Amino acid sequence: MPSVDDLIPSAAQIRKEAALKEAEKADEYARLAAAAEAEKRALIERLTKPSGKTEEEKIKLASTIIQRAVRNGLTEVQVYRFPNTLCTDKGRAINQMEAGWEKTLTGIPKEVFQLWTDHLKPRGYRIAYQIIDFPGGVPGDIGVTISWGD
């Protein structure tokens, strides 16, 4: 018959096992957080560069998005969302609705604005760039909305 020591480990042994499990969980969390951060940095890096789409591809994509929204009875649609780090001032001018805010755009957000300027604005569409979340009370992501209603 097994002894009591074989059946019931000491409290010190249990604490040691629990600490090891906690350390494993912390290591896994750190690995996942590092991987997520690296993925986010790579995404932001990609978004700061031109999309590589032709003007025709951009127009077709805009048309598809707008037509889908119209079929769903909408008069506006959020066409893009991006981190504030894609603005040279982290979205401050957009948040303050300052004249010339569009000059702070970089990468794909700048391309979206240019597409609107060149093709949608002349057809009566409106565009709005606005901070859409405030994590920790500070400006976060920026949403881009195209509208066509009255």
N, C-alpha and C. Protein backbone atom coordinates (compact mmCIF):
# COMPACT_ATOMS: atom_id res chain seq x y z
N MET A 1 0.85 -1.18 0.00
CA MET A 1 0.00 0.00 0.00
C MET A 1 0.90 1.25 0.00
N PRO A 2 0.55 2.26 -0.88
CA PRO A 2 1.36 3.48 -0.94
C PRO A 2 1.28 4.26 0.36
N SER A 3 2.36 4.94 0.66
CA SER A 3 2.41 5.72 1.90
C SER A 3 1.66 7.03 1.70
N VAL A 4 1.41 7.72 2.79
CA VAL A 4 0.75 9.02 2.76
C VAL A 4 1.60 10.00 1.96
N ASP A 5 2.93 9.91 2.10
CA ASP A 5 3.83 10.81 1.36
C ASP A 5 3.70 10.61 -0.15
N ASP A 6 3.42 9.35 -0.57
CA ASP A 6 3.24 9.08 -1.99
C ASP A 6 1.89 9.63 -2.49
N LEU A 7 0.88 9.61 -1.65
CA LEU A 7 -0.46 10.03 -2.04
C LEU A 7 -0.67 11.54 -1.93
N ILE A 8 -0.10 12.16 -0.93
CA ILE A 8 -0.32 13.58 -0.69
C ILE A 8 1.02 14.28 -0.67
N PRO A 9 1.31 15.05 -1.72
CA PRO A 9 2.58 15.78 -1.74
C PRO A 9 2.57 16.88 -0.68
N SER A 10 3.72 17.34 -0.33
CA SER A 10 3.80 18.41 0.67
C SER A 10 3.31 19.72 0.06
N ALA A 11 2.93 20.64 0.92
CA ALA A 11 2.47 21.95 0.47
C ALA A 11 3.58 22.65 -0.31
N ALA A 12 4.83 22.46 0.13
CA ALA A 12 5.96 23.09 -0.57
C ALA A 12 6.07 22.57 -2.00
N GLN A 13 5.86 21.25 -2.19
CA GLN A 13 5.90 20.68 -3.53
C GLN A 13 4.79 21.25 -4.41
N ILE A 14 3.60 21.36 -3.84
CA ILE A 14 2.46 21.89 -4.58
C ILE A 14 2.71 23.34 -4.98
N ARG A 15 3.27 24.15 -4.05
CA ARG A 15 3.57 25.55 -4.36
C ARG A 15 4.59 25.63 -5.49
N LYS A 16 5.58 24.74 -5.45
CA LYS A 16 6.61 24.73 -6.48
C LYS A 16 5.99 24.39 -7.84
N GLU A 17 5.13 23.38 -7.89
CA GLU A 17 4.46 23.00 -9.13
C GLU A 17 3.57 24.14 -9.65
N ALA A 18 2.86 24.79 -8.75
CA ALA A 18 1.99 25.90 -9.14
C ALA A 18 2.82 27.06 -9.70
N ALA A 19 3.96 27.34 -9.08
CA ALA A 19 4.84 28.41 -9.54
C ALA A 19 5.38 28.09 -10.93
N LEU A 20 5.74 26.83 -11.16
CA LEU A 20 6.22 26.43 -12.48
C LEU A 20 5.13 26.60 -13.55
N LYS A 21 3.91 26.21 -13.20
CA LYS A 21 2.80 26.36 -14.14
C LYS A 21 2.57 27.84 -14.44
N GLU A 22 2.62 28.69 -13.41
CA GLU A 22 2.45 30.14 -13.60
C GLU A 22 3.54 30.69 -14.50
N ALA A 23 4.77 30.24 -14.29
CA ALA A 23 5.89 30.71 -15.11
C ALA A 23 5.69 30.28 -16.56
N GLU A 24 5.21 29.07 -16.79
CA GLU A 24 4.94 28.59 -18.15
C GLU A 24 3.87 29.47 -18.81
N LYS A 25 2.81 29.78 -18.06
CA LYS A 25 1.74 30.63 -18.59
C LYS A 25 2.29 32.02 -18.92
N ALA A 26 3.11 32.57 -18.05
CA ALA A 26 3.69 33.90 -18.28
C ALA A 26 4.59 33.89 -19.51
N ASP A 27 5.39 32.84 -19.67
CA ASP A 27 6.25 32.72 -20.85
C ASP A 27 5.42 32.65 -22.12
N GLU A 28 4.35 31.86 -22.10
CA GLU A 28 3.49 31.73 -23.26
C GLU A 28 2.82 33.07 -23.59
N TYR A 29 2.35 33.76 -22.56
CA TYR A 29 1.74 35.07 -22.77
C TYR A 29 2.75 36.04 -23.38
N ALA A 30 3.97 36.04 -22.88
CA ALA A 30 5.01 36.94 -23.40
C ALA A 30 5.32 36.61 -24.86
N ARG A 31 5.38 35.32 -25.19
CA ARG A 31 5.62 34.91 -26.57
C ARG A 31 4.49 35.39 -27.49
N LEU A 32 3.25 35.20 -27.06
CA LEU A 32 2.10 35.61 -27.86
C LEU A 32 2.06 37.13 -28.01
N ALA A 33 2.35 37.85 -26.94
CA ALA A 33 2.35 39.31 -27.00
C ALA A 33 3.44 39.81 -27.95
N ALA A 34 4.60 39.20 -27.90
CA ALA A 34 5.70 39.60 -28.79
C ALA A 34 5.34 39.31 -30.24
N ALA A 35 4.73 38.16 -30.49
CA ALA A 35 4.31 37.81 -31.84
C ALA A 35 3.25 38.78 -32.35
N ALA A 36 2.28 39.14 -31.50
CA ALA A 36 1.24 40.08 -31.89
C ALA A 36 1.84 41.46 -32.18
N GLU A 37 2.77 41.88 -31.37
CA GLU A 37 3.41 43.18 -31.58
C GLU A 37 4.21 43.19 -32.88
N ALA A 38 4.91 42.11 -33.16
CA ALA A 38 5.68 42.02 -34.41
C ALA A 38 4.73 42.04 -35.61
N GLU A 39 3.62 41.34 -35.49
CA GLU A 39 2.63 41.32 -36.57
C GLU A 39 2.04 42.72 -36.78
N LYS A 40 1.77 43.43 -35.69
CA LYS A 40 1.23 44.79 -35.79
C LYS A 40 2.25 45.73 -36.44
N ARG A 41 3.51 45.62 -36.04
CA ARG A 41 4.56 46.46 -36.65
C ARG A 41 4.66 46.19 -38.16
N ALA A 42 4.58 44.91 -38.54
CA ALA A 42 4.67 44.54 -39.95
C ALA A 42 3.47 45.10 -40.72
N LEU A 43 2.28 45.03 -40.12
CA LEU A 43 1.09 45.56 -40.77
C LEU A 43 1.21 47.08 -40.95
N ILE A 44 1.63 47.77 -39.92
CA ILE A 44 1.78 49.22 -40.01
C ILE A 44 2.82 49.58 -41.06
N GLU A 45 3.90 48.82 -41.09
CA GLU A 45 4.94 49.05 -42.10
C GLU A 45 4.36 48.88 -43.51
N ARG A 46 3.54 47.84 -43.69
CA ARG A 46 2.93 47.60 -45.00
C ARG A 46 1.95 48.72 -45.36
N LEU A 47 1.19 49.21 -44.37
CA LEU A 47 0.20 50.25 -44.63
C LEU A 47 0.82 51.61 -44.91
N THR A 48 2.07 51.81 -44.51
CA THR A 48 2.72 53.09 -44.75
C THR A 48 3.21 53.20 -46.20
N LYS A 49 3.22 52.09 -46.88
CA LYS A 49 3.69 52.07 -48.27
C LYS A 49 2.49 52.11 -49.23
N PRO A 50 2.72 52.49 -50.47
CA PRO A 50 1.62 52.47 -51.45
C PRO A 50 1.02 51.07 -51.56
N SER A 51 -0.27 51.02 -51.86
CA SER A 51 -0.98 49.73 -51.91
C SER A 51 -0.52 48.85 -53.06
N GLY A 52 -0.03 49.47 -54.13
CA GLY A 52 0.36 48.69 -55.30
C GLY A 52 -0.80 48.45 -56.26
N LYS A 53 -2.00 48.91 -55.88
CA LYS A 53 -3.16 48.76 -56.76
C LYS A 53 -3.13 49.83 -57.84
N THR A 54 -3.62 49.46 -59.01
CA THR A 54 -3.74 50.44 -60.09
C THR A 54 -4.92 51.36 -59.79
N GLU A 55 -4.97 52.47 -60.49
CA GLU A 55 -6.10 53.40 -60.31
C GLU A 55 -7.41 52.70 -60.64
N GLU A 56 -7.41 51.88 -61.69
CA GLU A 56 -8.62 51.15 -62.07
C GLU A 56 -9.05 50.18 -60.96
N GLU A 57 -8.10 49.48 -60.36
CA GLU A 57 -8.43 48.55 -59.27
C GLU A 57 -9.02 49.29 -58.08
N LYS A 58 -8.46 50.45 -57.76
CA LYS A 58 -8.98 51.26 -56.64
C LYS A 58 -10.41 51.72 -56.92
N ILE A 59 -10.65 52.16 -58.15
CA ILE A 59 -12.00 52.63 -58.52
C ILE A 59 -13.00 51.47 -58.43
N LYS A 60 -12.61 50.32 -58.94
CA LYS A 60 -13.51 49.15 -58.88
C LYS A 60 -13.80 48.75 -57.44
N LEU A 61 -12.79 48.79 -56.58
CA LEU A 61 -12.98 48.45 -55.17
C LEU A 61 -13.93 49.46 -54.52
N ALA A 62 -13.73 50.75 -54.78
CA ALA A 62 -14.62 51.78 -54.23
C ALA A 62 -16.05 51.55 -54.72
N SER A 63 -16.21 51.26 -55.99
CA SER A 63 -17.53 51.01 -56.55
C SER A 63 -18.21 49.83 -55.88
N THR A 64 -17.48 48.75 -55.69
CA THR A 64 -18.03 47.55 -55.04
C THR A 64 -18.51 47.87 -53.63
N ILE A 65 -17.69 48.58 -52.88
CA ILE A 65 -18.04 48.92 -51.49
C ILE A 65 -19.28 49.80 -51.45
N ILE A 66 -19.31 50.82 -52.30
CA ILE A 66 -20.44 51.75 -52.32
C ILE A 66 -21.71 51.03 -52.77
N GLN A 67 -21.63 50.23 -53.83
CA GLN A 67 -22.81 49.52 -54.33
C GLN A 67 -23.38 48.56 -53.28
N ARG A 68 -22.51 47.88 -52.55
CA ARG A 68 -22.96 46.96 -51.50
C ARG A 68 -23.70 47.75 -50.41
N ALA A 69 -23.16 48.89 -50.02
CA ALA A 69 -23.80 49.71 -48.99
C ALA A 69 -25.17 50.21 -49.47
N VAL A 70 -25.26 50.63 -50.74
CA VAL A 70 -26.53 51.11 -51.30
C VAL A 70 -27.55 49.97 -51.28
N ARG A 71 -27.14 48.78 -51.68
CA ARG A 71 -28.06 47.63 -51.67
C ARG A 71 -28.57 47.34 -50.26
N ASN A 72 -27.79 47.69 -49.26
CA ASN A 72 -28.20 47.47 -47.87
C ASN A 72 -28.93 48.68 -47.29
N GLY A 73 -29.27 49.64 -48.14
CA GLY A 73 -30.05 50.79 -47.70
C GLY A 73 -29.26 51.84 -46.94
N LEU A 74 -27.95 51.85 -47.05
CA LEU A 74 -27.12 52.80 -46.33
C LEU A 74 -26.86 54.06 -47.16
N THR A 75 -26.57 55.16 -46.48
CA THR A 75 -26.18 56.39 -47.16
C THR A 75 -24.75 56.77 -46.83
N GLU A 76 -24.07 55.89 -46.12
CA GLU A 76 -22.65 56.07 -45.82
C GLU A 76 -22.06 54.71 -45.48
N VAL A 77 -20.73 54.62 -45.60
CA VAL A 77 -20.07 53.37 -45.30
C VAL A 77 -18.65 53.66 -44.83
N GLN A 78 -18.24 52.95 -43.77
CA GLN A 78 -16.85 53.06 -43.35
C GLN A 78 -16.02 52.22 -44.31
N VAL A 79 -15.10 52.87 -45.00
CA VAL A 79 -14.33 52.18 -46.03
C VAL A 79 -12.94 51.78 -45.55
N TYR A 80 -12.51 52.34 -44.44
CA TYR A 80 -11.15 52.03 -43.98
C TYR A 80 -11.03 52.35 -42.51
N ARG A 81 -10.15 51.64 -41.84
CA ARG A 81 -9.82 51.89 -40.44
C ARG A 81 -8.32 51.66 -40.32
N PHE A 82 -7.63 52.58 -39.65
CA PHE A 82 -6.19 52.46 -39.56
C PHE A 82 -5.67 53.05 -38.25
N PRO A 83 -4.50 52.60 -37.80
CA PRO A 83 -3.94 53.13 -36.56
C PRO A 83 -3.48 54.59 -36.75
N ASN A 84 -3.59 55.37 -35.69
CA ASN A 84 -3.24 56.79 -35.78
C ASN A 84 -1.76 57.01 -36.09
N THR A 85 -0.96 55.99 -35.95
CA THR A 85 0.47 56.13 -36.26
C THR A 85 0.72 56.32 -37.75
N LEU A 86 -0.31 56.13 -38.59
CA LEU A 86 -0.16 56.37 -40.01
C LEU A 86 -0.38 57.85 -40.36
N CYS A 87 -0.58 58.67 -39.35
CA CYS A 87 -0.62 60.12 -39.53
C CYS A 87 0.68 60.67 -38.94
N THR A 88 1.22 61.69 -39.57
CA THR A 88 2.50 62.24 -39.11
C THR A 88 2.38 62.85 -37.71
N ASP A 89 1.15 63.19 -37.30
CA ASP A 89 0.94 63.77 -35.96
C ASP A 89 0.10 62.87 -35.06
N LYS A 90 0.03 61.57 -35.42
CA LYS A 90 -0.74 60.57 -34.67
C LYS A 90 -2.24 60.92 -34.55
N GLY A 91 -2.74 61.62 -35.55
CA GLY A 91 -4.17 61.91 -35.61
C GLY A 91 -4.61 63.18 -34.90
N ARG A 92 -3.68 63.96 -34.38
CA ARG A 92 -4.03 65.16 -33.64
C ARG A 92 -4.83 66.14 -34.49
N ALA A 93 -4.38 66.42 -35.72
CA ALA A 93 -5.09 67.38 -36.59
C ALA A 93 -6.48 66.88 -36.95
N ILE A 94 -6.62 65.59 -37.16
CA ILE A 94 -7.94 65.02 -37.45
C ILE A 94 -8.83 65.18 -36.24
N ASN A 95 -8.32 64.86 -35.07
CA ASN A 95 -9.10 64.97 -33.84
C ASN A 95 -9.52 66.41 -33.58
N GLN A 96 -8.66 67.37 -33.91
CA GLN A 96 -8.97 68.79 -33.68
C GLN A 96 -9.71 69.42 -34.86
N MET A 97 -9.94 68.63 -35.92
CA MET A 97 -10.60 69.10 -37.15
C MET A 97 -9.91 70.35 -37.70
N GLU A 98 -8.59 70.30 -37.72
CA GLU A 98 -7.81 71.42 -38.22
C GLU A 98 -7.79 71.44 -39.75
N ALA A 99 -7.77 72.64 -40.30
CA ALA A 99 -7.61 72.77 -41.74
C ALA A 99 -6.25 72.17 -42.12
N GLY A 100 -6.22 71.46 -43.23
CA GLY A 100 -4.97 70.85 -43.69
C GLY A 100 -4.65 69.51 -43.05
N TRP A 101 -5.59 68.93 -42.30
CA TRP A 101 -5.36 67.64 -41.64
C TRP A 101 -4.94 66.57 -42.63
N GLU A 102 -5.45 66.67 -43.87
CA GLU A 102 -5.15 65.64 -44.87
C GLU A 102 -3.67 65.57 -45.21
N LYS A 103 -2.93 66.63 -44.94
CA LYS A 103 -1.48 66.63 -45.19
C LYS A 103 -0.73 65.73 -44.21
N THR A 104 -1.39 65.32 -43.13
CA THR A 104 -0.74 64.44 -42.15
C THR A 104 -0.86 62.97 -42.51
N LEU A 105 -1.65 62.65 -43.55
CA LEU A 105 -1.87 61.25 -43.95
C LEU A 105 -0.64 60.69 -44.65
N THR A 106 -0.41 59.40 -44.46
CA THR A 106 0.65 58.69 -45.16
C THR A 106 0.09 57.39 -45.70
N GLY A 107 0.83 56.76 -46.58
CA GLY A 107 0.51 55.42 -47.07
C GLY A 107 -0.88 55.27 -47.64
N ILE A 108 -1.51 54.16 -47.30
CA ILE A 108 -2.82 53.83 -47.85
C ILE A 108 -3.90 54.84 -47.44
N PRO A 109 -3.92 55.34 -46.20
CA PRO A 109 -4.92 56.37 -45.88
C PRO A 109 -4.82 57.60 -46.80
N LYS A 110 -3.61 57.94 -47.20
CA LYS A 110 -3.40 59.05 -48.13
C LYS A 110 -3.95 58.68 -49.51
N GLU A 111 -3.75 57.41 -49.93
CA GLU A 111 -4.29 56.94 -51.21
C GLU A 111 -5.81 57.02 -51.24
N VAL A 112 -6.44 56.65 -50.12
CA VAL A 112 -7.91 56.69 -50.04
C VAL A 112 -8.38 58.14 -50.23
N PHE A 113 -7.70 59.07 -49.55
CA PHE A 113 -8.07 60.48 -49.68
C PHE A 113 -7.89 60.95 -51.12
N GLN A 114 -6.81 60.55 -51.75
CA GLN A 114 -6.54 60.96 -53.13
C GLN A 114 -7.60 60.39 -54.09
N LEU A 115 -8.00 59.14 -53.86
CA LEU A 115 -9.05 58.53 -54.68
C LEU A 115 -10.34 59.33 -54.56
N TRP A 116 -10.68 59.72 -53.33
CA TRP A 116 -11.87 60.53 -53.12
C TRP A 116 -11.74 61.87 -53.85
N THR A 117 -10.60 62.52 -53.69
CA THR A 117 -10.37 63.83 -54.32
C THR A 117 -10.51 63.74 -55.84
N ASP A 118 -9.90 62.72 -56.42
CA ASP A 118 -9.87 62.59 -57.88
C ASP A 118 -11.17 62.10 -58.49
N HIS A 119 -11.87 61.17 -57.82
CA HIS A 119 -12.97 60.49 -58.47
C HIS A 119 -14.32 60.58 -57.75
N LEU A 120 -14.32 60.63 -56.44
CA LEU A 120 -15.59 60.61 -55.72
C LEU A 120 -16.12 62.01 -55.41
N LYS A 121 -15.25 62.89 -54.98
CA LYS A 121 -15.67 64.26 -54.65
C LYS A 121 -16.35 64.93 -55.84
N PRO A 122 -15.78 64.83 -57.06
CA PRO A 122 -16.45 65.47 -58.20
C PRO A 122 -17.85 64.90 -58.48
N ARG A 123 -18.14 63.71 -57.94
CA ARG A 123 -19.44 63.08 -58.15
C ARG A 123 -20.38 63.30 -56.96
N GLY A 124 -19.97 64.17 -56.03
CA GLY A 124 -20.85 64.54 -54.91
C GLY A 124 -20.69 63.73 -53.63
N TYR A 125 -19.72 62.84 -53.58
CA TYR A 125 -19.49 62.06 -52.37
C TYR A 125 -18.74 62.90 -51.34
N ARG A 126 -18.98 62.62 -50.07
CA ARG A 126 -18.27 63.28 -48.98
C ARG A 126 -17.37 62.25 -48.29
N ILE A 127 -16.34 62.74 -47.63
CA ILE A 127 -15.43 61.85 -46.91
C ILE A 127 -15.23 62.43 -45.51
N ALA A 128 -15.09 61.54 -44.54
CA ALA A 128 -14.81 61.97 -43.16
C ALA A 128 -13.75 61.04 -42.58
N TYR A 129 -12.72 61.64 -42.02
CA TYR A 129 -11.71 60.92 -41.25
C TYR A 129 -11.94 61.33 -39.81
N GLN A 130 -12.15 60.35 -38.92
CA GLN A 130 -12.35 60.70 -37.52
C GLN A 130 -11.81 59.62 -36.60
N ILE A 131 -11.39 60.07 -35.43
CA ILE A 131 -10.92 59.13 -34.41
C ILE A 131 -12.13 58.32 -33.98
N ILE A 132 -12.02 56.98 -33.99
CA ILE A 132 -13.18 56.16 -33.66
C ILE A 132 -13.03 55.39 -32.36
N ASP A 133 -11.85 55.45 -31.75
CA ASP A 133 -11.73 54.89 -30.41
C ASP A 133 -10.66 55.66 -29.64
N PHE A 134 -10.79 55.61 -28.34
CA PHE A 134 -9.90 56.35 -27.45
C PHE A 134 -9.40 55.42 -26.34
N PRO A 135 -8.50 54.49 -26.68
CA PRO A 135 -8.01 53.58 -25.63
C PRO A 135 -7.22 54.36 -24.57
N GLY A 136 -7.59 54.16 -23.33
CA GLY A 136 -6.90 54.86 -22.24
C GLY A 136 -7.11 56.36 -22.30
N GLY A 137 -8.15 56.81 -23.01
CA GLY A 137 -8.45 58.23 -23.09
C GLY A 137 -7.65 59.00 -24.13
N VAL A 138 -6.83 58.31 -24.92
CA VAL A 138 -6.05 58.99 -25.95
C VAL A 138 -6.53 58.53 -27.33
N PRO A 139 -6.37 59.39 -28.35
CA PRO A 139 -6.83 59.01 -29.69
C PRO A 139 -6.21 57.69 -30.15
N GLY A 140 -7.06 56.86 -30.74
CA GLY A 140 -6.61 55.56 -31.24
C GLY A 140 -6.80 55.47 -32.74
N ASP A 141 -7.54 54.46 -33.17
CA ASP A 141 -7.74 54.23 -34.59
C ASP A 141 -8.58 55.33 -35.23
N ILE A 142 -8.38 55.45 -36.54
CA ILE A 142 -9.09 56.44 -37.33
C ILE A 142 -9.94 55.70 -38.35
N GLY A 143 -11.19 56.12 -38.47
CA GLY A 143 -12.11 55.54 -39.44
C GLY A 143 -12.31 56.50 -40.60
N VAL A 144 -12.47 55.94 -41.79
CA VAL A 144 -12.71 56.73 -42.99
C VAL A 144 -14.10 56.36 -43.50
N THR A 145 -14.97 57.35 -43.59
CA THR A 145 -16.35 57.13 -44.02
C THR A 145 -16.63 57.92 -45.29
N ILE A 146 -17.22 57.24 -46.24
CA ILE A 146 -17.69 57.88 -47.47
C ILE A 146 -19.21 57.96 -47.35
N SER A 147 -19.77 59.12 -47.69
CA SER A 147 -21.23 59.27 -47.61
C SER A 147 -21.75 59.94 -48.87
N TRP A 148 -23.04 59.72 -49.14
CA TRP A 148 -23.66 60.24 -50.33
C TRP A 148 -25.09 60.71 -50.08
N GLY A 149 -25.56 60.56 -48.85
CA GLY A 149 -26.93 61.00 -48.52
C GLY A 149 -26.97 62.49 -48.26
N ASP A 150 -28.21 63.00 -48.14
CA ASP A 150 -28.39 64.44 -47.88
C ASP A 150 -28.01 64.83 -46.49
